[in-house]
Structure formats: C-alpha cells, structure tokens
Amino acid sequence: MEFNVMNIVLYCGIILFATKIFGMGSRKLGLPQVAGMIIAGLLIGPAIFNQLPLGSFRGIMNPTPAEMDVLQSFSQIGVIFILFSSGLETDFKALKQSGIAATAVATVGVLVPVLLGTLGALAFLHGYESFTQPKLMNAMFVGCILAATSVGITVETLRELGKLNTRVGTTILSAAIIDDVLGIIALSLLTGFNGGGNIWLTVLKAVGFFAFTIGGGLILRTLFKRLVRKYPHKRRTSIFALCMCFVYAYCAEKYFGIAAITGAYMAGLMLSGLHDTPFVDRKVIVSGYMFFTPIFFAYIGISADFSQFRWSGLLFAGVFVFLGVIGKIVGCGAIARAFRYSGRESMTIGCGMIARGEVALAVYTAGHSLIMRSVGGQITGIDPLVATICLIIVSSVLCPILLKLCFRGHEVPAEQTGSRQVNIATEALENIRDEEVNS
C-alpha cells in the first residue's frame, strides 16, 4: 500500500488548523467544540465528497489506506488521552460522599438509556422479526453509547444559576462521576462479549482485569506518592503517569479482551486525588489536546462512510436522540423521586444528566467495527455516527435550557450560596485551565 510520510505531515497540519477553526466556531455558537471538530473532519475528508458528482475531487484530504492507518493510530492515542484525563479528574471524595441516592440515580441513569437504546436499535435492525446474536450485540453497543453523561455543560449552568453547591447540584455531580464509571464497566463487558467464547469466561476476564488494575494500581499509587513527595511538580511524574496509562491500555486489550480506553481510564482513576494529580492532568491535557485529541475527533469525520447511508438513518438519529434524552430524564428523575426529592428537584436532576460529549464518542469508536455491520455485512437504517453527533449537539443545547426552566422562580437559600465564596480560588484555577485548553 502506498505510504508517504510528507503526506502525513501535511494532513496533520490541515487537521489541526481545521479542527481549531471549526472548534472555535462551534464554541461561539454555544455548542461543544468536539462537534465542530467532527464536522471539520467531514468537510476536509472524502466522506461527503465521495457521494457528490465532483469528478476526481474527493476532498481536501484523500489519504491512502496505509495513510489512514497512521491517522487511525494517532486517533487511538488521542482517545486514550481523553479517558486517562477523565480518570484523573474523577473525585474519590465525591464518590464517598455521594451516598445511596446519587449511586442509585447513576445506576438507573445508565440502565434505562442502555435498555431503551438497545430496544430502539433492535427495531431498526429488524431484530424482533429475525433475532440473532450479532444483531443483539450491535444493538447493545448502540445502547451503550447512551450510557455516559458529560457533566461539563451542566456544571457551568449550575454555577451561572448559583445552584452548584445545592442538594440537587451535588447529587448531579456525584451521579455523573459514578455514571461514567458504570458506563466504562458496561463497555468493558460488551467488548469482552464481542470477542466470542463462554459468557462466564468473559465475566471472569473482566473481573480479572479490574483485580489486576486495582491491585497493581494501589502499588503504583504508593510509588507515585513517594515520587511526587521527592520530586513535586516535575515533568518526570507526568511521564511516569503516561507510561502507566499506555501499559494499562495495552494490557486491557491484549490480555483481557477489554477496550484499551478502559485501561486508560482505570490508570487515571488509580492516580486521581493525589497532591500532584492536577499538575499531571494539565500536562496530559496539553499533550493530548495539542495534537492527538484533535486528530481523534477529526478522524471520526474523515473515516466516515456514507456509501450505505439511507434517509431512514435520519429517522433513527431522531429516535436515538429522543431515547437518549428521555432515558436520562425518566430514569434519573424517577429514582430521585423515590429518594424523596421533590417533583421539581427530580426533574432537575434528570435534566442535568442528559448532556453527552467525549465519552459517548469514545464508546462509539470502541464499538465501531461491530455497530457498522449486521448479519449480511451491512446495516440498514442505522448510522451511529450521525446519531451520536446529533445527540451531542441536541443534548448540549437542551441541557442548560431545561435546567434554567426547572430553576425558574426558585431562589437560592443563603446558606447554600455562602459556600460558593470559598470556591472562588478553585474556580479561578479551573478557568485558567479552560483558557489553556481552549486558547
């Protein structure tokens, strides 16, 4: 296969420029930057232009299969960076303080959307008429995309409304953290099942994986503490942390049949909450978002194949978005009501959990090879990429609107807003980090 290093160099430059421009444009419109980055990939690659009668023109970028393999490798490193950073940012203290209510909200908030997504996908795959295991696996991966919650937009909205430190705000944040952990576990099990073999062997491998990552992680966490104590805020600590991330990602897929991104997430989780964790996280974000992460989002658009697209796929995207939104609102809201939250509070918790982002795309990527095929080698009526992009955009716009409607006319008690003054320094540091990532 033809391969040209200079073409890769040029493609990287085009990708970084296009993703930055479209990412900033998307942010100006109040949408997640990731949506703009994916759209950039669609516009610079052959995905759309291959379907148009434009002669020999196939987009600004038209890489060979060998060059696509290189870009795919870069994109896989990018998604590993994303999940490693998510693990580093997981707050163990919040997990301990979340209580039964937040855990229940998160659990049901994963189960209901996954179930609805699976049932909806089976309908479009005609799985009820001719049920097969491959169709069920395809449908379950589609449902798994709906599991994770991206809480970034929710946090900003709650801050703006002065509700971040209220009972409802704390429940949403704690549930979102647990939600991501459960979503990763669900993805791990589904990835293992896709490998075939005995179901109990798959479960045993999953248990072995978590035993390996947690047992080894506790040892490495202790060593990392000593390293940080001796060399605080040194680049070597970030390098060693990345070594752990890549080794965990490799072992997850190579020896346990679990998605590599799960290994990366567990590596970050085992190093979270330490004194130097924010420093490491900043280095990871800069390293990833400067190069690998934009390539990951752009590659999704560049590698998209619409040759089998049918207009019924747009109908599926609409159903997919509806199920994703209603699944979180009903699932999380109902269980919150069972824990004696008021009707308004329960609705607010449900609405605060609907936003999706990078993790949904990571799940889509991990299950892409399975989602895009059925018994005959083609899927009819389903385009998970279009549906996932639509879900990210719609949920990101809808989440703050619904939260503001839920809080309308509801004043913040003085005792709940006073603690916000203590967090001014923390918020300032987070704003600095946002400026580093988004500048």
Protein backbone atom coordinates (compact mmCIF):
# COMPACT_ATOMS: atom_id res chain seq x y z
CA MET A 1 0.00 0.00 0.00
CA GLU A 2 1.21 3.47 -0.89
CA PHE A 3 2.55 5.48 2.01
CA ASN A 4 4.08 8.96 2.03
CA VAL A 5 5.44 10.47 5.25
CA MET A 6 5.19 14.00 3.86
CA ASN A 7 1.50 13.47 3.17
CA ILE A 8 1.03 12.57 6.83
CA VAL A 9 2.84 15.75 7.84
CA LEU A 10 0.57 17.81 5.56
CA TYR A 11 -2.57 16.03 6.78
CA CYS A 12 -1.67 16.71 10.41
CA GLY A 13 -1.31 20.41 9.63
CA ILE A 14 -4.66 20.51 7.82
CA ILE A 15 -6.40 18.62 10.63
CA LEU A 16 -5.04 20.81 13.42
CA PHE A 17 -5.96 24.01 11.55
CA ALA A 18 -9.44 22.86 10.55
CA THR A 19 -10.34 21.43 13.96
CA LYS A 20 -9.23 24.61 15.73
CA ILE A 21 -11.20 26.91 13.40
CA PHE A 22 -14.37 24.80 13.50
CA GLY A 23 -13.96 24.13 17.21
CA MET A 24 -13.84 27.87 17.98
CA GLY A 25 -16.80 28.47 15.67
CA SER A 26 -18.77 25.76 17.42
CA ARG A 27 -17.95 27.26 20.81
CA LYS A 28 -19.11 30.70 19.64
CA LEU A 29 -22.47 29.13 18.81
CA GLY A 30 -22.71 27.65 22.30
CA LEU A 31 -22.06 24.10 21.11
CA PRO A 32 -19.34 21.68 22.27
CA GLN A 33 -16.04 22.09 20.44
CA VAL A 34 -15.99 18.38 19.69
CA ALA A 35 -18.99 18.80 17.37
CA GLY A 36 -17.06 21.38 15.34
CA MET A 37 -14.00 19.14 15.20
CA ILE A 38 -16.01 16.21 13.83
CA ILE A 39 -17.67 18.46 11.24
CA ALA A 40 -14.19 19.66 10.25
CA GLY A 41 -13.20 16.04 9.61
CA LEU A 42 -16.29 15.50 7.47
CA LEU A 43 -15.52 18.58 5.36
CA ILE A 44 -11.80 18.02 4.79
CA GLY A 45 -12.08 14.28 4.13
CA PRO A 46 -13.73 12.20 1.42
CA ALA A 47 -16.79 11.14 3.46
CA ILE A 48 -19.19 13.69 1.95
CA PHE A 49 -17.45 14.46 -1.34
CA ASN A 50 -17.42 10.80 -2.34
CA GLN A 51 -21.20 10.99 -2.55
CA LEU A 52 -21.23 14.07 -4.82
CA PRO A 53 -20.68 14.19 -8.63
CA LEU A 54 -17.49 16.27 -8.45
CA GLY A 55 -15.28 14.38 -10.89
CA SER A 56 -11.93 13.42 -9.40
CA PHE A 57 -12.23 15.79 -6.40
CA ARG A 58 -12.56 13.75 -3.20
CA GLY A 59 -11.99 16.38 -0.55
CA ILE A 60 -9.00 18.38 0.67
CA MET A 61 -7.63 15.16 2.16
CA ASN A 62 -7.82 11.85 0.33
CA PRO A 63 -5.41 9.57 2.21
CA THR A 64 -4.45 6.10 1.02
CA PRO A 65 -5.40 3.09 3.19
CA ALA A 66 -1.85 3.00 4.61
CA GLU A 67 -2.01 6.70 5.48
CA MET A 68 -5.43 6.20 7.08
CA ASP A 69 -3.86 3.51 9.26
CA VAL A 70 -1.33 6.06 10.54
CA LEU A 71 -4.05 8.62 11.25
CA GLN A 72 -6.08 5.94 12.99
CA SER A 73 -3.11 5.13 15.22
CA PHE A 74 -2.82 8.80 16.18
CA SER A 75 -6.56 8.93 16.85
CA GLN A 76 -6.41 5.88 19.12
CA ILE A 77 -3.70 7.58 21.19
CA GLY A 78 -5.94 10.65 21.31
CA VAL A 79 -8.91 8.77 22.76
CA ILE A 80 -6.60 7.11 25.29
CA PHE A 81 -5.53 10.60 26.42
CA ILE A 82 -9.19 11.60 26.80
CA LEU A 83 -10.11 8.64 29.00
CA PHE A 84 -6.91 8.90 31.05
CA SER A 85 -7.71 12.54 31.79
CA SER A 86 -11.30 11.59 32.72
CA GLY A 87 -9.94 9.07 35.21
CA LEU A 88 -7.55 11.64 36.71
CA GLU A 89 -10.44 14.07 37.18
CA THR A 90 -12.65 11.55 38.99
CA ASP A 91 -13.13 12.74 42.57
CA PHE A 92 -12.90 9.88 45.09
CA LYS A 93 -14.08 12.14 47.90
CA ALA A 94 -17.22 12.97 45.95
CA LEU A 95 -17.75 9.26 45.31
CA LYS A 96 -17.52 8.51 49.05
CA GLN A 97 -19.85 11.38 49.96
CA SER A 98 -22.38 10.75 47.18
CA GLY A 99 -24.42 8.33 49.23
CA ILE A 100 -27.01 5.80 48.20
CA ALA A 101 -29.22 8.33 46.41
CA ALA A 102 -26.57 9.50 43.92
CA THR A 103 -25.42 5.91 43.34
CA ALA A 104 -28.99 4.82 42.61
CA VAL A 105 -29.55 7.81 40.31
CA ALA A 106 -26.38 6.97 38.38
CA THR A 107 -27.15 3.25 38.14
CA VAL A 108 -30.69 3.70 36.85
CA GLY A 109 -29.45 6.58 34.68
CA VAL A 110 -27.21 4.06 32.90
CA LEU A 111 -29.57 1.08 32.78
CA VAL A 112 -32.63 2.87 31.38
CA PRO A 113 -30.92 4.64 28.42
CA VAL A 114 -28.94 1.48 27.56
CA LEU A 115 -32.14 -0.60 27.60
CA LEU A 116 -34.10 1.94 25.54
CA GLY A 117 -31.24 2.35 23.06
CA THR A 118 -30.90 -1.41 22.66
CA LEU A 119 -34.63 -1.90 22.08
CA GLY A 120 -34.76 1.02 19.64
CA ALA A 121 -31.75 -0.25 17.67
CA LEU A 122 -33.24 -3.76 17.51
CA ALA A 123 -36.37 -2.30 15.96
CA PHE A 124 -34.34 -0.60 13.19
CA LEU A 125 -32.29 -3.77 12.68
CA HIS A 126 -35.49 -5.82 12.35
CA GLY A 127 -34.21 -7.79 15.31
CA TYR A 128 -37.69 -8.61 16.54
CA GLU A 129 -38.55 -10.30 13.24
CA SER A 130 -35.29 -12.24 12.82
CA PHE A 131 -33.40 -12.19 16.12
CA THR A 132 -29.70 -13.12 16.02
CA GLN A 133 -26.80 -12.67 18.43
CA PRO A 134 -24.86 -10.30 16.09
CA LYS A 135 -27.91 -8.04 15.87
CA LEU A 136 -28.25 -8.07 19.65
CA MET A 137 -24.58 -7.14 20.09
CA ASN A 138 -24.93 -4.32 17.56
CA ALA A 139 -28.00 -3.02 19.35
CA MET A 140 -26.34 -3.22 22.78
CA PHE A 141 -23.35 -1.20 21.56
CA VAL A 142 -25.76 1.44 20.25
CA GLY A 143 -27.46 1.44 23.65
CA CYS A 144 -24.11 1.70 25.41
CA ILE A 145 -23.39 4.99 23.62
CA LEU A 146 -26.29 6.47 25.59
CA ALA A 147 -24.84 5.49 28.99
CA ALA A 148 -22.26 8.15 29.84
CA THR A 149 -23.03 11.70 30.98
CA SER A 150 -20.89 14.72 30.08
CA VAL A 151 -21.33 16.98 33.07
CA GLY A 152 -19.20 19.94 31.90
CA ILE A 153 -22.10 21.95 30.45
CA THR A 154 -24.26 21.11 33.47
CA VAL A 155 -21.58 22.39 35.86
CA GLU A 156 -21.27 25.71 34.03
CA THR A 157 -25.05 26.16 34.01
CA LEU A 158 -25.37 25.33 37.71
CA ARG A 159 -22.60 27.81 38.51
CA GLU A 160 -24.31 30.52 36.48
CA LEU A 161 -27.58 29.90 38.34
CA GLY A 162 -25.86 29.70 41.74
CA LYS A 163 -27.01 26.10 42.25
CA LEU A 164 -23.72 24.22 42.10
CA ASN A 165 -23.50 23.62 45.86
CA THR A 166 -27.17 22.87 46.46
CA ARG A 167 -28.51 19.43 47.29
CA VAL A 168 -29.59 18.96 43.67
CA GLY A 169 -26.28 20.21 42.26
CA THR A 170 -24.23 17.90 44.47
CA THR A 171 -26.40 14.93 43.53
CA ILE A 172 -26.00 15.63 39.81
CA LEU A 173 -22.20 15.94 40.06
CA SER A 174 -21.80 12.81 42.20
CA ALA A 175 -24.15 10.79 39.99
CA ALA A 176 -22.30 11.92 36.84
CA ILE A 177 -18.99 10.66 38.25
CA ILE A 178 -20.47 7.25 39.13
CA ASP A 179 -22.30 7.26 35.79
CA ASP A 180 -19.00 7.40 33.87
CA VAL A 181 -17.55 4.53 35.90
CA LEU A 182 -20.62 2.36 35.25
CA GLY A 183 -20.57 3.28 31.56
CA ILE A 184 -16.94 2.16 31.27
CA ILE A 185 -17.77 -1.14 33.03
CA ALA A 186 -20.68 -1.72 30.63
CA LEU A 187 -18.42 -1.03 27.65
CA SER A 188 -15.82 -3.45 29.04
CA LEU A 189 -18.33 -6.28 29.35
CA LEU A 190 -19.76 -5.66 25.88
CA THR A 191 -16.30 -5.55 24.33
CA GLY A 192 -15.49 -8.87 26.01
CA PHE A 193 -18.73 -10.47 24.82
CA ASN A 194 -17.98 -9.35 21.28
CA GLY A 195 -14.83 -11.46 21.35
CA GLY A 196 -16.99 -14.57 21.50
CA GLY A 197 -16.46 -17.54 23.76
CA ASN A 198 -18.12 -18.54 27.01
CA ILE A 199 -20.07 -15.80 28.76
CA TRP A 200 -18.69 -16.82 32.16
CA LEU A 201 -15.14 -16.74 30.80
CA THR A 202 -15.81 -13.20 29.60
CA VAL A 203 -17.08 -12.16 33.03
CA LEU A 204 -14.07 -13.85 34.64
CA LYS A 205 -11.73 -11.90 32.34
CA ALA A 206 -13.49 -8.66 33.26
CA VAL A 207 -13.16 -9.42 36.97
CA GLY A 208 -9.51 -10.35 36.44
CA PHE A 209 -8.92 -7.08 34.60
CA PHE A 210 -10.31 -4.96 37.41
CA ALA A 211 -8.43 -7.03 40.00
CA PHE A 212 -5.21 -6.50 38.03
CA THR A 213 -5.72 -2.77 37.51
CA ILE A 214 -6.79 -2.06 41.08
CA GLY A 215 -4.20 -4.34 42.73
CA GLY A 216 -1.35 -3.11 40.57
CA GLY A 217 -2.72 0.42 40.74
CA LEU A 218 -2.57 0.55 44.53
CA ILE A 219 1.11 -0.41 44.41
CA LEU A 220 1.87 2.11 41.67
CA ARG A 221 -0.16 4.76 43.51
CA THR A 222 2.04 4.29 46.59
CA LEU A 223 5.20 4.56 44.47
CA PHE A 224 3.77 7.61 42.72
CA LYS A 225 3.14 9.30 46.09
CA ARG A 226 6.78 8.79 47.04
CA LEU A 227 7.94 10.10 43.67
CA VAL A 228 5.79 13.21 43.99
CA ARG A 229 6.97 13.79 47.54
CA LYS A 230 10.59 13.72 46.36
CA TYR A 231 10.08 15.50 43.01
CA PRO A 232 6.95 17.69 43.25
CA HIS A 233 5.70 19.33 40.05
CA LYS A 234 8.35 17.72 37.86
CA ARG A 235 7.74 16.62 34.29
CA ARG A 236 9.10 13.17 35.12
CA THR A 237 5.99 12.48 37.24
CA SER A 238 3.77 13.19 34.23
CA ILE A 239 5.93 10.96 32.03
CA PHE A 240 5.71 8.06 34.51
CA ALA A 241 1.95 8.57 34.76
CA LEU A 242 1.64 8.36 30.97
CA CYS A 243 3.74 5.19 31.00
CA MET A 244 1.22 3.65 33.38
CA CYS A 245 -1.63 4.83 31.15
CA PHE A 246 -0.22 3.23 28.00
CA VAL A 247 0.73 -0.04 29.73
CA TYR A 248 -2.75 -0.33 31.25
CA ALA A 249 -4.35 0.36 27.86
CA TYR A 250 -2.19 -2.29 26.20
CA CYS A 251 -2.79 -4.95 28.86
CA ALA A 252 -6.55 -4.32 28.85
CA GLU A 253 -6.94 -5.15 25.17
CA LYS A 254 -4.08 -7.63 24.73
CA TYR A 255 -4.58 -9.90 27.74
CA PHE A 256 -8.15 -9.32 28.94
CA GLY A 257 -10.08 -8.56 25.74
CA ILE A 258 -11.23 -5.25 27.22
CA ALA A 259 -11.24 -1.96 25.30
CA ALA A 260 -7.93 -0.09 25.59
CA ILE A 261 -9.74 3.07 26.67
CA THR A 262 -10.98 1.21 29.76
CA GLY A 263 -7.40 0.51 30.75
CA ALA A 264 -6.51 4.17 30.26
CA TYR A 265 -9.47 5.25 32.39
CA MET A 266 -8.52 2.85 35.19
CA ALA A 267 -4.92 4.14 35.13
CA GLY A 268 -6.19 7.69 35.60
CA LEU A 269 -8.60 6.55 38.30
CA MET A 270 -5.80 4.94 40.30
CA LEU A 271 -3.77 8.16 40.22
CA SER A 272 -6.68 10.52 40.95
CA GLY A 273 -6.94 12.56 44.12
CA LEU A 274 -3.20 12.85 44.77
CA HIS A 275 -1.37 16.07 45.51
CA ASP A 276 0.21 16.25 42.05
CA THR A 277 -2.77 14.91 40.10
CA PRO A 278 -3.92 18.37 38.86
CA PHE A 279 -0.37 19.04 37.62
CA VAL A 280 -0.26 15.71 35.77
CA ASP A 281 -3.74 16.29 34.36
CA ARG A 282 -2.71 19.69 32.96
CA LYS A 283 0.30 18.12 31.23
CA VAL A 284 -1.89 15.34 29.81
CA ILE A 285 -4.46 17.84 28.54
CA VAL A 286 -1.82 20.00 26.87
CA SER A 287 -0.11 16.96 25.31
CA GLY A 288 -3.35 15.42 24.12
CA TYR A 289 -5.29 18.47 23.02
CA MET A 290 -2.36 19.97 21.16
CA PHE A 291 -2.10 17.07 18.74
CA PHE A 292 -3.62 13.64 19.33
CA THR A 293 -7.10 14.56 20.54
CA PRO A 294 -7.98 16.86 17.58
CA ILE A 295 -6.86 14.05 15.25
CA PHE A 296 -9.17 11.64 17.10
CA PHE A 297 -12.24 13.84 16.59
CA ALA A 298 -11.33 14.71 13.01
CA TYR A 299 -10.61 11.07 12.17
CA ILE A 300 -14.19 10.17 13.09
CA GLY A 301 -15.37 12.51 10.34
CA ILE A 302 -12.61 11.65 7.86
CA SER A 303 -13.19 7.90 8.15
CA ALA A 304 -16.99 8.13 7.99
CA ASP A 305 -18.50 6.02 5.24
CA PHE A 306 -21.88 7.18 3.96
CA SER A 307 -21.98 4.82 1.00
CA GLN A 308 -24.58 2.66 2.77
CA PHE A 309 -26.44 5.63 4.24
CA ARG A 310 -30.21 5.67 3.88
CA TRP A 311 -32.56 8.52 4.69
CA SER A 312 -34.12 6.25 7.26
CA GLY A 313 -30.85 6.81 9.14
CA LEU A 314 -32.04 10.34 9.93
CA LEU A 315 -35.19 8.85 11.41
CA PHE A 316 -33.01 6.59 13.54
CA ALA A 317 -30.92 9.61 14.64
CA GLY A 318 -34.10 11.36 15.78
CA VAL A 319 -35.27 8.29 17.71
CA PHE A 320 -31.75 7.81 19.13
CA VAL A 321 -31.63 11.39 20.44
CA PHE A 322 -35.15 11.14 21.88
CA LEU A 323 -34.36 7.88 23.69
CA GLY A 324 -31.07 9.28 24.98
CA VAL A 325 -32.73 12.38 26.43
CA ILE A 326 -35.89 10.77 27.77
CA GLY A 327 -33.96 7.82 29.20
CA LYS A 328 -31.89 10.07 31.47
CA ILE A 329 -34.81 12.31 32.49
CA VAL A 330 -37.17 9.43 33.30
CA GLY A 331 -34.56 7.07 34.77
CA CYS A 332 -32.70 9.58 36.95
CA GLY A 333 -35.81 11.61 37.79
CA ALA A 334 -37.88 8.61 38.86
CA ILE A 335 -35.24 7.19 41.17
CA ALA A 336 -34.61 10.67 42.67
CA ARG A 337 -38.34 10.91 43.40
CA ALA A 338 -38.14 7.52 45.13
CA PHE A 339 -35.48 9.01 47.42
CA ARG A 340 -37.92 11.77 48.46
CA TYR A 341 -36.66 14.57 46.27
CA SER A 342 -39.45 16.94 45.30
CA GLY A 343 -41.01 16.76 41.84
CA ARG A 344 -39.10 19.86 40.73
CA GLU A 345 -35.82 18.55 42.15
CA SER A 346 -36.30 15.15 40.50
CA MET A 347 -36.97 16.75 37.11
CA THR A 348 -33.91 18.98 37.56
CA ILE A 349 -31.67 16.01 38.35
CA GLY A 350 -32.95 14.19 35.25
CA CYS A 351 -32.40 17.22 33.02
CA GLY A 352 -28.93 17.77 34.45
CA MET A 353 -27.85 14.28 33.36
CA ILE A 354 -28.83 14.42 29.67
CA ALA A 355 -25.68 16.07 28.22
CA ARG A 356 -23.29 13.83 26.25
CA GLY A 357 -19.77 14.53 24.99
CA GLU A 358 -16.36 12.93 24.52
CA VAL A 359 -17.11 9.67 26.34
CA ALA A 360 -20.05 8.96 24.02
CA LEU A 361 -17.70 9.36 21.06
CA ALA A 362 -15.12 7.13 22.73
CA VAL A 363 -17.74 4.41 23.17
CA TYR A 364 -18.84 4.85 19.55
CA THR A 365 -15.24 4.46 18.37
CA ALA A 366 -14.61 1.37 20.52
CA GLY A 367 -17.68 -0.39 19.15
CA HIS A 368 -17.50 0.98 15.62
CA SER A 369 -16.50 -2.24 13.89
CA LEU A 370 -19.42 -4.10 15.45
CA ILE A 371 -22.03 -1.35 15.15
CA MET A 372 -21.43 -0.88 11.42
CA ARG A 373 -22.18 -4.44 10.44
CA SER A 374 -25.07 -6.90 10.65
CA VAL A 375 -25.60 -10.47 9.54
CA GLY A 376 -25.31 -9.62 5.84
CA GLY A 377 -22.30 -7.37 6.32
CA GLN A 378 -24.31 -4.14 6.08
CA ILE A 379 -26.57 -2.24 8.42
CA THR A 380 -29.83 -0.91 7.08
CA GLY A 381 -31.43 2.17 8.59
CA ILE A 382 -28.75 2.92 11.19
CA ASP A 383 -25.94 5.46 11.10
CA PRO A 384 -24.44 5.59 14.62
CA LEU A 385 -22.04 8.41 13.70
CA VAL A 386 -24.76 10.82 12.57
CA ALA A 387 -26.92 9.78 15.52
CA THR A 388 -24.08 10.29 18.03
CA ILE A 389 -23.19 13.73 16.66
CA CYS A 390 -26.86 14.74 16.78
CA LEU A 391 -27.12 13.50 20.36
CA ILE A 392 -24.09 15.53 21.48
CA ILE A 393 -25.34 18.72 19.83
CA VAL A 394 -29.01 18.44 20.85
CA SER A 395 -28.32 17.36 24.44
CA SER A 396 -25.68 20.08 24.91
CA VAL A 397 -28.14 22.77 23.77
CA LEU A 398 -31.14 21.30 25.56
CA CYS A 399 -29.49 20.68 28.94
CA PRO A 400 -28.92 24.33 30.01
CA ILE A 401 -32.32 25.37 28.64
CA LEU A 402 -34.16 22.72 30.65
CA LEU A 403 -32.13 23.45 33.79
CA LYS A 404 -32.97 27.15 33.62
CA LEU A 405 -36.65 26.32 33.18
CA CYS A 406 -36.54 23.94 36.16
CA PHE A 407 -34.95 26.60 38.38
CA ARG A 408 -37.14 29.47 37.19
CA GLY A 409 -38.63 31.35 40.14
CA HIS A 410 -36.71 29.22 42.63
CA GLU A 411 -34.45 31.38 44.81
CA VAL A 412 -31.18 30.10 46.23
CA PRO A 413 -31.17 29.90 50.05
CA ALA A 414 -28.43 32.00 51.62
CA GLU A 415 -26.89 29.03 53.41
CA GLN A 416 -26.47 27.22 50.09
CA THR A 417 -24.80 30.10 48.28
CA GLY A 418 -22.37 31.10 51.01
CA SER A 419 -20.07 28.20 50.35
CA ARG A 420 -19.52 29.46 46.81
CA GLN A 421 -17.29 32.21 48.18
CA VAL A 422 -14.88 29.58 49.45
CA ASN A 423 -14.58 28.15 45.93
CA ILE A 424 -13.51 31.36 44.17
CA ALA A 425 -9.84 30.30 44.06
CA THR A 426 -10.79 26.84 42.78
CA GLU A 427 -13.00 28.29 40.04
CA ALA A 428 -10.23 30.70 39.06
CA LEU A 429 -7.81 27.80 38.65
CA GLU A 430 -10.36 25.91 36.56
CA ASN A 431 -10.87 28.99 34.37
CA ILE A 432 -7.12 29.18 33.80
CA ARG A 433 -7.12 25.53 32.78
CA ASP A 434 -10.06 26.13 30.41
CA GLU A 435 -8.14 29.00 28.84
CA GLU A 436 -5.11 26.72 28.33
CA VAL A 437 -7.24 24.05 26.66
CA ASN A 438 -9.42 26.33 24.54
CA SER A 439 -6.93 29.04 23.55
